[in-house]
């Protein structure tokens, strides 16, 4: 395969991805439209899982999550702590005592990934 073939093939691939494919999808959308069905239901509930052990920032992070523009009854914040920084548990515990959407999940010392898996479960 010559350098010219590689050059023109690469140029053709770039032209297809930047112009050809979008144009083809535009034509297809006009020929065969598929309207988006919009549900009139409420917003889905959300859970934010934080496998976090940084006592310097955890308080601000939880407060920031609580300030989200989302229906309070549909938002849950789970902070998974494996006990590395004991002050983390106290800070999250204080917030959880006054805010029912926040839960502290105390995990054994198995590392961040294990705490993350436990918080998702």
PDB file of N, CA and C in Angstrom:
ATOM      1  N   UNK A   1       0.849  -1.179   0.000  1.00  0.00           N
ATOM      2  CA  UNK A   1       0.000   0.000   0.000  1.00  0.00           C
ATOM      3  C   UNK A   1       0.890   1.236   0.000  1.00  0.00           C
ATOM      4  N   UNK A   2       0.619   2.144  -0.900  1.00  0.00           N
ATOM      5  CA  UNK A   2       1.472   3.318  -1.032  1.00  0.00           C
ATOM      6  C   UNK A   2       1.036   4.422  -0.075  1.00  0.00           C
ATOM      7  N   UNK A   3       1.901   5.380   0.086  1.00  0.00           N
ATOM      8  CA  UNK A   3       1.625   6.516   0.968  1.00  0.00           C
ATOM      9  C   UNK A   3       0.442   7.332   0.447  1.00  0.00           C
ATOM     10  N   UNK A   4       0.308   7.406  -0.898  1.00  0.00           N
ATOM     11  CA  UNK A   4      -0.825   8.141  -1.480  1.00  0.00           C
ATOM     12  C   UNK A   4      -2.148   7.486  -1.101  1.00  0.00           C
ATOM     13  N   UNK A   5      -2.191   6.160  -1.140  1.00  0.00           N
ATOM     14  CA  UNK A   5      -3.413   5.435  -0.795  1.00  0.00           C
ATOM     15  C   UNK A   5      -3.793   5.679   0.669  1.00  0.00           C
ATOM     16  N   UNK A   6      -2.796   5.646   1.542  1.00  0.00           N
ATOM     17  CA  UNK A   6      -3.046   5.885   2.968  1.00  0.00           C
ATOM     18  C   UNK A   6      -3.545   7.314   3.169  1.00  0.00           C
ATOM     19  N   UNK A   7      -2.901   8.273   2.496  1.00  0.00           N
ATOM     20  CA  UNK A   7      -3.309   9.672   2.617  1.00  0.00           C
ATOM     21  C   UNK A   7      -4.750   9.878   2.170  1.00  0.00           C
ATOM     22  N   UNK A   8      -5.080   9.409   0.973  1.00  0.00           N
ATOM     23  CA  UNK A   8      -6.440   9.623   0.448  1.00  0.00           C
ATOM     24  C   UNK A   8      -7.487   8.834   1.230  1.00  0.00           C
ATOM     25  N   UNK A   9      -7.127   7.654   1.703  1.00  0.00           N
ATOM     26  CA  UNK A   9      -8.042   6.884   2.547  1.00  0.00           C
ATOM     27  C   UNK A   9      -8.318   7.585   3.867  1.00  0.00           C
ATOM     28  N   UNK A  10      -7.274   8.134   4.475  1.00  0.00           N
ATOM     29  CA  UNK A  10      -7.430   8.873   5.733  1.00  0.00           C
ATOM     30  C   UNK A  10      -8.249  10.140   5.523  1.00  0.00           C
ATOM     31  N   UNK A  11      -7.974  10.839   4.430  1.00  0.00           N
ATOM     32  CA  UNK A  11      -8.732  12.056   4.126  1.00  0.00           C
ATOM     33  C   UNK A  11     -10.208  11.731   3.890  1.00  0.00           C
ATOM     34  N   UNK A  12     -10.458  10.631   3.190  1.00  0.00           N
ATOM     35  CA  UNK A  12     -11.841  10.211   2.959  1.00  0.00           C
ATOM     36  C   UNK A  12     -12.551   9.849   4.258  1.00  0.00           C
ATOM     37  N   UNK A  13     -11.848   9.164   5.149  1.00  0.00           N
ATOM     38  CA  UNK A  13     -12.436   8.795   6.443  1.00  0.00           C
ATOM     39  C   UNK A  13     -12.765  10.037   7.262  1.00  0.00           C
ATOM     40  N   UNK A  14     -11.867  11.018   7.250  1.00  0.00           N
ATOM     41  CA  UNK A  14     -12.132  12.271   7.969  1.00  0.00           C
ATOM     42  C   UNK A  14     -13.321  13.019   7.372  1.00  0.00           C
ATOM     43  N   UNK A  15     -13.379  13.054   6.050  1.00  0.00           N
ATOM     44  CA  UNK A  15     -14.496  13.736   5.385  1.00  0.00           C
ATOM     45  C   UNK A  15     -15.816  13.044   5.720  1.00  0.00           C
ATOM     46  N   UNK A  16     -15.815  11.705   5.755  1.00  0.00           N
ATOM     47  CA  UNK A  16     -17.039  10.972   6.089  1.00  0.00           C
ATOM     48  C   UNK A  16     -17.483  11.268   7.521  1.00  0.00           C
ATOM     49  N   UNK A  17     -16.558  11.235   8.482  1.00  0.00           N
ATOM     50  CA  UNK A  17     -16.954  11.436   9.880  1.00  0.00           C
ATOM     51  C   UNK A  17     -17.386  12.866  10.164  1.00  0.00           C
ATOM     52  N   UNK A  18     -16.815  13.836   9.473  1.00  0.00           N
ATOM     53  CA  UNK A  18     -17.145  15.240   9.751  1.00  0.00           C
ATOM     54  C   UNK A  18     -18.268  15.795   8.893  1.00  0.00           C
ATOM     55  N   UNK A  19     -18.470  15.246   7.713  1.00  0.00           N
ATOM     56  CA  UNK A  19     -19.507  15.795   6.833  1.00  0.00           C
ATOM     57  C   UNK A  19     -20.465  14.728   6.315  1.00  0.00           C
ATOM     58  N   UNK A  20     -19.950  13.617   5.849  1.00  0.00           N
ATOM     59  CA  UNK A  20     -20.791  12.586   5.237  1.00  0.00           C
ATOM     60  C   UNK A  20     -21.777  11.955   6.200  1.00  0.00           C
ATOM     61  N   UNK A  21     -21.311  11.499   7.341  1.00  0.00           N
ATOM     62  CA  UNK A  21     -22.188  10.841   8.297  1.00  0.00           C
ATOM     63  C   UNK A  21     -23.272  11.787   8.827  1.00  0.00           C
ATOM     64  N   UNK A  22     -22.929  13.019   9.279  1.00  0.00           N
ATOM     65  CA  UNK A  22     -23.992  13.928   9.725  1.00  0.00           C
ATOM     66  C   UNK A  22     -25.014  14.221   8.617  1.00  0.00           C
ATOM     67  N   UNK A  23     -24.553  14.378   7.380  1.00  0.00           N
ATOM     68  CA  UNK A  23     -25.481  14.633   6.268  1.00  0.00           C
ATOM     69  C   UNK A  23     -26.378  13.415   6.032  1.00  0.00           C
ATOM     70  N   UNK A  24     -25.814  12.218   6.089  1.00  0.00           N
ATOM     71  CA  UNK A  24     -26.602  11.002   5.897  1.00  0.00           C
ATOM     72  C   UNK A  24     -27.648  10.848   7.001  1.00  0.00           C
ATOM     73  N   UNK A  25     -27.292  11.149   8.235  1.00  0.00           N
ATOM     74  CA  UNK A  25     -28.251  11.049   9.341  1.00  0.00           C
ATOM     75  C   UNK A  25     -29.340  12.115   9.232  1.00  0.00           C
ATOM     76  N   UNK A  26     -28.995  13.294   8.720  1.00  0.00           N
ATOM     77  CA  UNK A  26     -29.997  14.335   8.493  1.00  0.00           C
ATOM     78  C   UNK A  26     -31.021  13.905   7.458  1.00  0.00           C
ATOM     79  N   UNK A  27     -30.552  13.309   6.374  1.00  0.00           N
ATOM     80  CA  UNK A  27     -31.457  12.811   5.334  1.00  0.00           C
ATOM     81  C   UNK A  27     -32.321  11.691   5.894  1.00  0.00           C
ATOM     82  N   UNK A  28     -31.714  10.763   6.630  1.00  0.00           N
ATOM     83  CA  UNK A  28     -32.453   9.651   7.210  1.00  0.00           C
ATOM     84  C   UNK A  28     -33.527  10.144   8.197  1.00  0.00           C
ATOM     85  N   UNK A  29     -33.209  11.165   8.963  1.00  0.00           N
ATOM     86  CA  UNK A  29     -34.174  11.708   9.927  1.00  0.00           C
ATOM     87  C   UNK A  29     -35.363  12.332   9.216  1.00  0.00           C
ATOM     88  N   UNK A  30     -35.153  12.917   8.051  1.00  0.00           N
ATOM     89  CA  UNK A  30     -36.267  13.510   7.297  1.00  0.00           C
ATOM     90  C   UNK A  30     -37.096  12.447   6.586  1.00  0.00           C
ATOM     91  N   UNK A  31     -36.415  11.408   6.098  1.00  0.00           N
ATOM     92  CA  UNK A  31     -37.110  10.351   5.376  1.00  0.00           C
ATOM     93  C   UNK A  31     -37.898   9.447   6.330  1.00  0.00           C
ATOM     94  N   UNK A  32     -37.322   9.146   7.458  1.00  0.00           N
ATOM     95  CA  UNK A  32     -37.953   8.242   8.421  1.00  0.00           C
ATOM     96  C   UNK A  32     -37.920   8.864   9.821  1.00  0.00           C
ATOM     97  N   UNK A  33     -38.793   9.830  10.088  1.00  0.00           N
ATOM     98  CA  UNK A  33     -38.768  10.503  11.401  1.00  0.00           C
ATOM     99  C   UNK A  33     -39.254   9.583  12.517  1.00  0.00           C
ATOM    100  N   UNK A  34     -38.639   9.721  13.667  1.00  0.00           N
ATOM    101  CA  UNK A  34     -39.034   8.979  14.857  1.00  0.00           C
ATOM    102  C   UNK A  34     -39.138   9.979  16.001  1.00  0.00           C
ATOM    103  N   UNK A  35     -40.341  10.508  16.234  1.00  0.00           N
ATOM    104  CA  UNK A  35     -40.477  11.530  17.271  1.00  0.00           C
ATOM    105  C   UNK A  35     -40.147  10.996  18.666  1.00  0.00           C
ATOM    106  N   UNK A  36     -39.651  11.879  19.498  1.00  0.00           N
ATOM    107  CA  UNK A  36     -39.300  11.529  20.871  1.00  0.00           C
ATOM    108  C   UNK A  36     -40.566  11.575  21.711  1.00  0.00           C
ATOM    109  N   UNK A  37     -40.819  10.486  22.432  1.00  0.00           N
ATOM    110  CA  UNK A  37     -41.982  10.450  23.322  1.00  0.00           C
ATOM    111  C   UNK A  37     -41.594  11.078  24.645  1.00  0.00           C
ATOM    112  N   UNK A  38     -42.338  12.073  25.019  1.00  0.00           N
ATOM    113  CA  UNK A  38     -42.059  12.748  26.285  1.00  0.00           C
ATOM    114  C   UNK A  38     -43.068  12.293  27.320  1.00  0.00           C
ATOM    115  N   UNK A  39     -42.543  11.833  28.446  1.00  0.00           N
ATOM    116  CA  UNK A  39     -43.416  11.413  29.531  1.00  0.00           C
ATOM    117  C   UNK A  39     -43.811  12.614  30.357  1.00  0.00           C
ATOM    118  N   UNK A  40     -45.004  12.572  30.869  1.00  0.00           N
ATOM    119  CA  UNK A  40     -45.478  13.660  31.720  1.00  0.00           C
ATOM    120  C   UNK A  40     -45.344  13.297  33.191  1.00  0.00           C
ATOM    121  N   UNK A  41     -44.413  12.392  33.485  1.00  0.00           N
ATOM    122  CA  UNK A  41     -44.246  11.933  34.858  1.00  0.00           C
ATOM    123  C   UNK A  41     -43.257  12.819  35.610  1.00  0.00           C
ATOM    124  N   UNK A  42     -43.129  12.526  36.886  1.00  0.00           N
ATOM    125  CA  UNK A  42     -42.189  13.263  37.722  1.00  0.00           C
ATOM    126  C   UNK A  42     -40.753  12.923  37.346  1.00  0.00           C
ATOM    127  N   UNK A  43     -39.856  13.702  37.892  1.00  0.00           N
ATOM    128  CA  UNK A  43     -38.439  13.412  37.682  1.00  0.00           C
ATOM    129  C   UNK A  43     -38.085  12.110  38.397  1.00  0.00           C
ATOM    130  N   UNK A  44     -37.144  11.348  37.864  1.00  0.00           N
ATOM    131  CA  UNK A  44     -36.740  10.115  38.545  1.00  0.00           C
ATOM    132  C   UNK A  44     -35.965  10.429  39.822  1.00  0.00           C
ATOM    133  N   UNK A  45     -35.986   9.493  40.751  1.00  0.00           N
ATOM    134  CA  UNK A  45     -35.212   9.702  41.973  1.00  0.00           C
ATOM    135  C   UNK A  45     -33.732   9.502  41.650  1.00  0.00           C
ATOM    136  N   UNK A  46     -32.879  10.135  42.435  1.00  0.00           N
ATOM    137  CA  UNK A  46     -31.434  10.071  42.224  1.00  0.00           C
ATOM    138  C   UNK A  46     -30.752   9.728  43.531  1.00  0.00           C
ATOM    139  N   UNK A  47     -29.701   8.948  43.411  1.00  0.00           N
ATOM    140  CA  UNK A  47     -28.842   8.669  44.555  1.00  0.00           C
ATOM    141  C   UNK A  47     -27.434   9.084  44.180  1.00  0.00           C
ATOM    142  N   UNK A  48     -26.782   9.760  45.097  1.00  0.00           N
ATOM    143  CA  UNK A  48     -25.390  10.138  44.874  1.00  0.00           C
ATOM    144  C   UNK A  48     -24.557   9.365  45.878  1.00  0.00           C
ATOM    145  N   UNK A  49     -23.694   8.518  45.381  1.00  0.00           N
ATOM    146  CA  UNK A  49     -22.848   7.696  46.237  1.00  0.00           C
ATOM    147  C   UNK A  49     -21.453   8.299  46.260  1.00  0.00           C
ATOM    148  N   UNK A  50     -20.944   8.584  47.442  1.00  0.00           N
ATOM    149  CA  UNK A  50     -19.636   9.205  47.587  1.00  0.00           C
ATOM    150  C   UNK A  50     -18.717   8.312  48.404  1.00  0.00           C
ATOM    151  N   UNK A  51     -17.870   7.519  47.773  1.00  0.00           N
ATOM    152  CA  UNK A  51     -16.866   6.816  48.556  1.00  0.00           C
ATOM    153  C   UNK A  51     -15.744   7.799  48.862  1.00  0.00           C
ATOM    154  N   UNK A  52     -15.811   8.438  50.000  1.00  0.00           N
ATOM    155  CA  UNK A  52     -14.967   9.591  50.263  1.00  0.00           C
ATOM    156  C   UNK A  52     -14.381   9.511  51.659  1.00  0.00           C
ATOM    157  N   UNK A  53     -13.140   9.820  51.821  1.00  0.00           N
ATOM    158  CA  UNK A  53     -12.525   9.856  53.138  1.00  0.00           C
ATOM    159  C   UNK A  53     -11.653  11.090  53.305  1.00  0.00           C
ATOM    160  N   UNK A  54     -12.070  12.190  52.746  1.00  0.00           N
ATOM    161  CA  UNK A  54     -11.275  13.397  52.867  1.00  0.00           C
ATOM    162  C   UNK A  54     -11.998  14.366  53.779  1.00  0.00           C
ATOM    163  N   UNK A  55     -11.600  14.345  55.042  1.00  0.00           N
ATOM    164  CA  UNK A  55     -12.305  15.148  56.027  1.00  0.00           C
ATOM    165  C   UNK A  55     -12.221  16.647  55.753  1.00  0.00           C
ATOM    166  N   UNK A  56     -11.229  17.074  54.997  1.00  0.00           N
ATOM    167  CA  UNK A  56     -11.079  18.507  54.719  1.00  0.00           C
ATOM    168  C   UNK A  56     -12.165  19.028  53.790  1.00  0.00           C
ATOM    169  N   UNK A  57     -12.728  18.164  52.917  1.00  0.00           N
ATOM    170  CA  UNK A  57     -13.683  18.639  51.923  1.00  0.00           C
ATOM    171  C   UNK A  57     -15.058  17.988  51.996  1.00  0.00           C
ATOM    172  N   UNK A  58     -15.207  16.933  52.789  1.00  0.00           N
ATOM    173  CA  UNK A  58     -16.452  16.176  52.755  1.00  0.00           C
ATOM    174  C   UNK A  58     -17.655  17.000  53.204  1.00  0.00           C
ATOM    175  N   UNK A  59     -17.485  17.851  54.188  1.00  0.00           N
ATOM    176  CA  UNK A  59     -18.599  18.680  54.653  1.00  0.00           C
ATOM    177  C   UNK A  59     -19.103  19.603  53.562  1.00  0.00           C
ATOM    178  N   UNK A  60     -18.191  20.276  52.886  1.00  0.00           N
ATOM    179  CA  UNK A  60     -18.584  21.186  51.799  1.00  0.00           C
ATOM    180  C   UNK A  60     -19.210  20.417  50.639  1.00  0.00           C
ATOM    181  N   UNK A  61     -18.688  19.223  50.354  1.00  0.00           N
ATOM    182  CA  UNK A  61     -19.210  18.428  49.241  1.00  0.00           C
ATOM    183  C   UNK A  61     -20.644  17.979  49.512  1.00  0.00           C
ATOM    184  N   UNK A  62     -20.916  17.527  50.713  1.00  0.00           N
ATOM    185  CA  UNK A  62     -22.275  17.091  51.054  1.00  0.00           C
ATOM    186  C   UNK A  62     -23.229  18.282  51.023  1.00  0.00           C
ATOM    187  N   UNK A  63     -22.796  19.415  51.567  1.00  0.00           N
ATOM    188  CA  UNK A  63     -23.641  20.616  51.534  1.00  0.00           C
ATOM    189  C   UNK A  63     -23.922  21.043  50.099  1.00  0.00           C
ATOM    190  N   UNK A  64     -22.907  20.940  49.237  1.00  0.00           N
ATOM    191  CA  UNK A  64     -23.087  21.278  47.825  1.00  0.00           C
ATOM    192  C   UNK A  64     -24.112  20.364  47.171  1.00  0.00           C
ATOM    193  N   UNK A  65     -24.058  19.077  47.457  1.00  0.00           N
ATOM    194  CA  UNK A  65     -25.037  18.135  46.904  1.00  0.00           C
ATOM    195  C   UNK A  65     -26.442  18.441  47.414  1.00  0.00           C
ATOM    196  N   UNK A  66     -26.551  18.870  48.661  1.00  0.00           N
ATOM    197  CA  UNK A  66     -27.865  19.199  49.225  1.00  0.00           C
ATOM    198  C   UNK A  66     -28.467  20.447  48.582  1.00  0.00           C
ATOM    199  N   UNK A  67     -27.628  21.308  48.029  1.00  0.00           N
ATOM    200  CA  UNK A  67     -28.102  22.533  47.396  1.00  0.00           C
ATOM    201  C   UNK A  67     -28.516  22.347  45.943  1.00  0.00           C
ATOM    202  N   UNK A  68     -28.442  21.115  45.430  1.00  0.00           N
ATOM    203  CA  UNK A  68     -28.829  20.868  44.045  1.00  0.00           C
ATOM    204  C   UNK A  68     -30.273  21.278  43.805  1.00  0.00           C
ATOM    205  N   UNK A  69     -30.542  21.762  42.609  1.00  0.00           N
ATOM    206  CA  UNK A  69     -31.900  22.140  42.227  1.00  0.00           C
ATOM    207  C   UNK A  69     -32.630  20.882  41.770  1.00  0.00           C
ATOM    208  N   UNK A  70     -33.045  20.076  42.744  1.00  0.00           N
ATOM    209  CA  UNK A  70     -33.707  18.807  42.478  1.00  0.00           C
ATOM    210  C   UNK A  70     -34.697  18.579  43.606  1.00  0.00           C
ATOM    211  N   UNK A  71     -35.842  17.971  43.333  1.00  0.00           N
ATOM    212  CA  UNK A  71     -36.830  17.761  44.392  1.00  0.00           C
ATOM    213  C   UNK A  71     -36.209  17.022  45.589  1.00  0.00           C
ATOM    214  N   UNK A  72     -36.263  17.600  46.766  1.00  0.00           N
ATOM    215  CA  UNK A  72     -35.601  17.001  47.939  1.00  0.00           C
ATOM    216  C   UNK A  72     -36.052  15.576  48.240  1.00  0.00           C
ATOM    217  N   UNK A  73     -37.317  15.272  48.004  1.00  0.00           N
ATOM    218  CA  UNK A  73     -37.819  13.934  48.320  1.00  0.00           C
ATOM    219  C   UNK A  73     -37.309  12.873  47.340  1.00  0.00           C
ATOM    220  N   UNK A  74     -36.642  13.289  46.281  1.00  0.00           N
ATOM    221  CA  UNK A  74     -36.147  12.353  45.274  1.00  0.00           C
ATOM    222  C   UNK A  74     -34.619  12.296  45.214  1.00  0.00           C
ATOM    223  N   UNK A  75     -33.959  12.835  46.231  1.00  0.00           N
ATOM    224  CA  UNK A  75     -32.496  12.862  46.238  1.00  0.00           C
ATOM    225  C   UNK A  75     -31.978  12.197  47.507  1.00  0.00           C
ATOM    226  N   UNK A  76     -31.059  11.263  47.338  1.00  0.00           N
ATOM    227  CA  UNK A  76     -30.435  10.566  48.453  1.00  0.00           C
ATOM    228  C   UNK A  76     -28.924  10.680  48.291  1.00  0.00           C
ATOM    229  N   UNK A  77     -28.229  10.957  49.392  1.00  0.00           N
ATOM    230  CA  UNK A  77     -26.766  11.077  49.364  1.00  0.00           C
ATOM    231  C   UNK A  77     -26.202  10.034  50.322  1.00  0.00           C
ATOM    232  N   UNK A  78     -25.410   9.125  49.790  1.00  0.00           N
ATOM    233  CA  UNK A  78     -24.795   8.067  50.593  1.00  0.00           C
ATOM    234  C   UNK A  78     -23.292   8.310  50.604  1.00  0.00           C
ATOM    235  N   UNK A  79     -22.730   8.479  51.792  1.00  0.00           N
ATOM    236  CA  UNK A  79     -21.284   8.654  51.928  1.00  0.00           C
ATOM    237  C   UNK A  79     -20.725   7.368  52.513  1.00  0.00           C
ATOM    238  N   UNK A  80     -19.899   6.689  51.745  1.00  0.00           N
ATOM    239  CA  UNK A  80     -19.277   5.445  52.202  1.00  0.00           C
ATOM    240  C   UNK A  80     -17.915   5.758  52.789  1.00  0.00           C
ATOM    241  N   UNK A  81     -17.722   5.364  54.035  1.00  0.00           N
ATOM    242  CA  UNK A  81     -16.461   5.638  54.713  1.00  0.00           C
ATOM    243  C   UNK A  81     -15.868   4.331  55.209  1.00  0.00           C
ATOM    244  N   UNK A  82     -14.596   4.111  54.905  1.00  0.00           N
ATOM    245  CA  UNK A  82     -13.954   2.895  55.396  1.00  0.00           C
ATOM    246  C   UNK A  82     -13.141   3.160  56.657  1.00  0.00           C
ATOM    247  N   UNK A  83     -13.411   4.280  57.311  1.00  0.00           N
ATOM    248  CA  UNK A  83     -12.806   4.566  58.606  1.00  0.00           C
ATOM    249  C   UNK A  83     -11.383   5.072  58.558  1.00  0.00           C
ATOM    250  N   UNK A  84     -10.876   5.402  57.392  1.00  0.00           N
ATOM    251  CA  UNK A  84      -9.498   5.877  57.293  1.00  0.00           C
ATOM    252  C   UNK A  84      -9.316   7.191  58.045  1.00  0.00           C
ATOM    253  N   UNK A  85     -10.225   8.124  57.835  1.00  0.00           N
ATOM    254  CA  UNK A  85     -10.210   9.394  58.559  1.00  0.00           C
ATOM    255  C   UNK A  85     -11.435   9.429  59.468  1.00  0.00           C
ATOM    256  N   UNK A  86     -11.238   9.323  60.747  1.00  0.00           N
ATOM    257  CA  UNK A  86     -12.359   9.232  61.679  1.00  0.00           C
ATOM    258  C   UNK A  86     -13.190  10.509  61.715  1.00  0.00           C
ATOM    259  N   UNK A  87     -12.601  11.631  61.433  1.00  0.00           N
ATOM    260  CA  UNK A  87     -13.342  12.903  61.450  1.00  0.00           C
ATOM    261  C   UNK A  87     -14.385  12.931  60.329  1.00  0.00           C
ATOM    262  N   UNK A  88     -14.152  12.216  59.226  1.00  0.00           N
ATOM    263  CA  UNK A  88     -15.118  12.141  58.131  1.00  0.00           C
ATOM    264  C   UNK A  88     -16.452  11.616  58.641  1.00  0.00           C
ATOM    265  N   UNK A  89     -16.403  10.546  59.430  1.00  0.00           N
ATOM    266  CA  UNK A  89     -17.630   9.960  59.963  1.00  0.00           C
ATOM    267  C   UNK A  89     -18.383  10.970  60.835  1.00  0.00           C
ATOM    268  N   UNK A  90     -17.666  11.711  61.650  1.00  0.00           N
ATOM    269  CA  UNK A  90     -18.303  12.689  62.535  1.00  0.00           C
ATOM    270  C   UNK A  90     -18.939  13.824  61.739  1.00  0.00           C
ATOM    271  N   UNK A  91     -18.247  14.311  60.717  1.00  0.00           N
ATOM    272  CA  UNK A  91     -18.766  15.414  59.903  1.00  0.00           C
ATOM    273  C   UNK A  91     -20.032  14.977  59.176  1.00  0.00           C
ATOM    274  N   UNK A  92     -19.995  13.818  58.531  1.00  0.00           N
ATOM    275  CA  UNK A  92     -21.160  13.323  57.805  1.00  0.00           C
ATOM    276  C   UNK A  92     -22.279  12.978  58.783  1.00  0.00           C
ATOM    277  N   UNK A  93     -21.930  12.445  59.941  1.00  0.00           N
ATOM    278  CA  UNK A  93     -22.929  12.131  60.963  1.00  0.00           C
ATOM    279  C   UNK A  93     -23.686  13.366  61.421  1.00  0.00           C
ATOM    280  N   UNK A  94     -22.980  14.482  61.577  1.00  0.00           N
ATOM    281  CA  UNK A  94     -23.633  15.746  61.967  1.00  0.00           C
ATOM    282  C   UNK A  94     -24.636  16.185  60.904  1.00  0.00           C
ATOM    283  N   UNK A  95     -24.245  16.095  59.640  1.00  0.00           N
ATOM    284  CA  UNK A  95     -25.146  16.492  58.554  1.00  0.00           C
ATOM    285  C   UNK A  95     -26.326  15.522  58.487  1.00  0.00           C
ATOM    286  N   UNK A  96     -26.060  14.233  58.620  1.00  0.00           N
ATOM    287  CA  UNK A  96     -27.119  13.222  58.545  1.00  0.00           C
ATOM    288  C   UNK A  96     -28.129  13.372  59.681  1.00  0.00           C
ATOM    289  N   UNK A  97     -27.675  13.864  60.837  1.00  0.00           N
ATOM    290  CA  UNK A  97     -28.579  14.046  61.970  1.00  0.00           C
ATOM    291  C   UNK A  97     -29.636  15.107  61.687  1.00  0.00           C
ATOM    292  N   UNK A  98     -29.293  16.103  60.889  1.00  0.00           N
ATOM    293  CA  UNK A  98     -30.261  17.174  60.601  1.00  0.00           C
ATOM    294  C   UNK A  98     -30.896  17.058  59.213  1.00  0.00           C
ATOM    295  N   UNK A  99     -30.364  16.187  58.373  1.00  0.00           N
ATOM    296  CA  UNK A  99     -30.857  16.056  57.003  1.00  0.00           C
ATOM    297  C   UNK A  99     -31.097  14.589  56.688  1.00  0.00           C
ATOM    298  N   UNK A 100     -32.365  14.203  56.483  1.00  0.00           N
ATOM    299  CA  UNK A 100     -32.706  12.790  56.297  1.00  0.00           C
ATOM    300  C   UNK A 100     -32.240  12.229  54.956  1.00  0.00           C
ATOM    301  N   UNK A 101     -31.881  13.083  54.006  1.00  0.00           N
ATOM    302  CA  UNK A 101     -31.425  12.602  52.698  1.00  0.00           C
ATOM    303  C   UNK A 101     -29.994  12.108  52.716  1.00  0.00           C
ATOM    304  N   UNK A 102     -29.266  12.359  53.799  1.00  0.00           N
ATOM    305  CA  UNK A 102     -27.853  11.987  53.883  1.00  0.00           C
ATOM    306  C   UNK A 102     -27.714  10.749  54.768  1.00  0.00           C
ATOM    307  N   UNK A 103     -26.962   9.761  54.259  1.00  0.00           N
ATOM    308  CA  UNK A 103     -26.686   8.543  55.023  1.00  0.00           C
ATOM    309  C   UNK A 103     -25.200   8.285  55.039  1.00  0.00           C
ATOM    310  N   UNK A 104     -24.719   7.869  56.201  1.00  0.00           N
ATOM    311  CA  UNK A 104     -23.319   7.461  56.329  1.00  0.00           C
ATOM    312  C   UNK A 104     -23.274   5.952  56.325  1.00  0.00           C
ATOM    313  N   UNK A 105     -22.504   5.388  55.416  1.00  0.00           N
ATOM    314  CA  UNK A 105     -22.330   3.944  55.333  1.00  0.00           C
ATOM    315  C   UNK A 105     -20.915   3.635  55.803  1.00  0.00           C
ATOM    316  N   UNK A 106     -20.811   3.064  56.994  1.00  0.00           N
ATOM    317  CA  UNK A 106     -19.498   2.736  57.546  1.00  0.00           C
ATOM    318  C   UNK A 106     -19.099   1.355  57.041  1.00  0.00           C
ATOM    319  N   UNK A 107     -17.974   1.299  56.352  1.00  0.00           N
ATOM    320  CA  UNK A 107     -17.505   0.066  55.722  1.00  0.00           C
ATOM    321  C   UNK A 107     -16.214  -0.400  56.405  1.00  0.00           C
ATOM    322  N   UNK A 108     -15.910  -1.698  56.295  1.00  0.00           N
ATOM    323  CA  UNK A 108     -14.616  -2.157  56.799  1.00  0.00           C
ATOM    324  C   UNK A 108     -13.481  -1.598  55.945  1.00  0.00           C
ATOM    325  N   UNK A 109     -12.264  -1.609  56.497  1.00  0.00           N
ATOM    326  CA  UNK A 109     -11.103  -1.063  55.792  1.00  0.00           C
ATOM    327  C   UNK A 109     -10.683  -1.993  54.661  1.00  0.00           C
ATOM    328  N   UNK A 110     -11.366  -1.856  53.513  1.00  0.00           N
ATOM    329  CA  UNK A 110     -11.047  -2.673  52.350  1.00  0.00           C
ATOM    330  C   UNK A 110     -10.679  -1.813  51.141  1.00  0.00           C
ATOM    331  N   UNK A 111     -10.646  -0.506  51.313  1.00  0.00           N
ATOM    332  CA  UNK A 111     -10.269   0.379  50.223  1.00  0.00           C
ATOM    333  C   UNK A 111     -11.458   1.073  49.576  1.00  0.00           C
ATOM    334  N   UNK A 112     -11.138   2.026  48.709  1.00  0.00           N
ATOM    335  CA  UNK A 112     -12.148   2.870  48.073  1.00  0.00           C
ATOM    336  C   UNK A 112     -13.101   2.081  47.181  1.00  0.00           C
ATOM    337  N   UNK A 113     -12.578   1.176  46.365  1.00  0.00           N
ATOM    338  CA  UNK A 113     -13.420   0.432  45.418  1.00  0.00           C
ATOM    339  C   UNK A 113     -14.426  -0.436  46.169  1.00  0.00           C
ATOM    340  N   UNK A 114     -13.981  -1.098  47.237  1.00  0.00           N
ATOM    341  CA  UNK A 114     -14.900  -1.930  48.019  1.00  0.00           C
ATOM    342  C   UNK A 114     -15.994  -1.073  48.652  1.00  0.00           C
ATOM    343  N   UNK A 115     -15.622   0.099  49.164  1.00  0.00           N
ATOM    344  CA  UNK A 115     -16.618   1.002  49.745  1.00  0.00           C
ATOM    345  C   UNK A 115     -17.589   1.482  48.675  1.00  0.00           C
ATOM    346  N   UNK A 116     -17.092   1.738  47.491  1.00  0.00           N
ATOM    347  CA  UNK A 116     -17.932   2.154  46.377  1.00  0.00           C
ATOM    348  C   UNK A 116     -18.942   1.064  46.037  1.00  0.00           C
ATOM    349  N   UNK A 117     -18.513  -0.165  45.964  1.00  0.00           N
ATOM    350  CA  UNK A 117     -19.415  -1.282  45.662  1.00  0.00           C
ATOM    351  C   UNK A 117     -20.474  -1.432  46.743  1.00  0.00           C
ATOM    352  N   UNK A 118     -20.070  -1.296  48.010  1.00  0.00           N
ATOM    353  CA  UNK A 118     -21.044  -1.403  49.097  1.00  0.00           C
ATOM    354  C   UNK A 118     -22.064  -0.284  49.045  1.00  0.00           C
ATOM    355  N   UNK A 119     -21.636   0.925  48.703  1.00  0.00           N
ATOM    356  CA  UNK A 119     -22.574   2.056  48.670  1.00  0.00           C
ATOM    357  C   UNK A 119     -23.571   1.937  47.538  1.00  0.00           C
ATOM    358  N   UNK A 120     -23.161   1.360  46.416  1.00  0.00           N
ATOM    359  CA  UNK A 120     -24.073   1.177  45.305  1.00  0.00           C
ATOM    360  C   UNK A 120     -25.108   0.108  45.642  1.00  0.00           C
ATOM    361  N   UNK A 121     -24.663  -0.940  46.315  1.00  0.00           N
ATOM    362  CA  UNK A 121     -25.601  -2.012  46.699  1.00  0.00           C
ATOM    363  C   UNK A 121     -26.620  -1.470  47.670  1.00  0.00           C
TER     364      UNK A 121
END
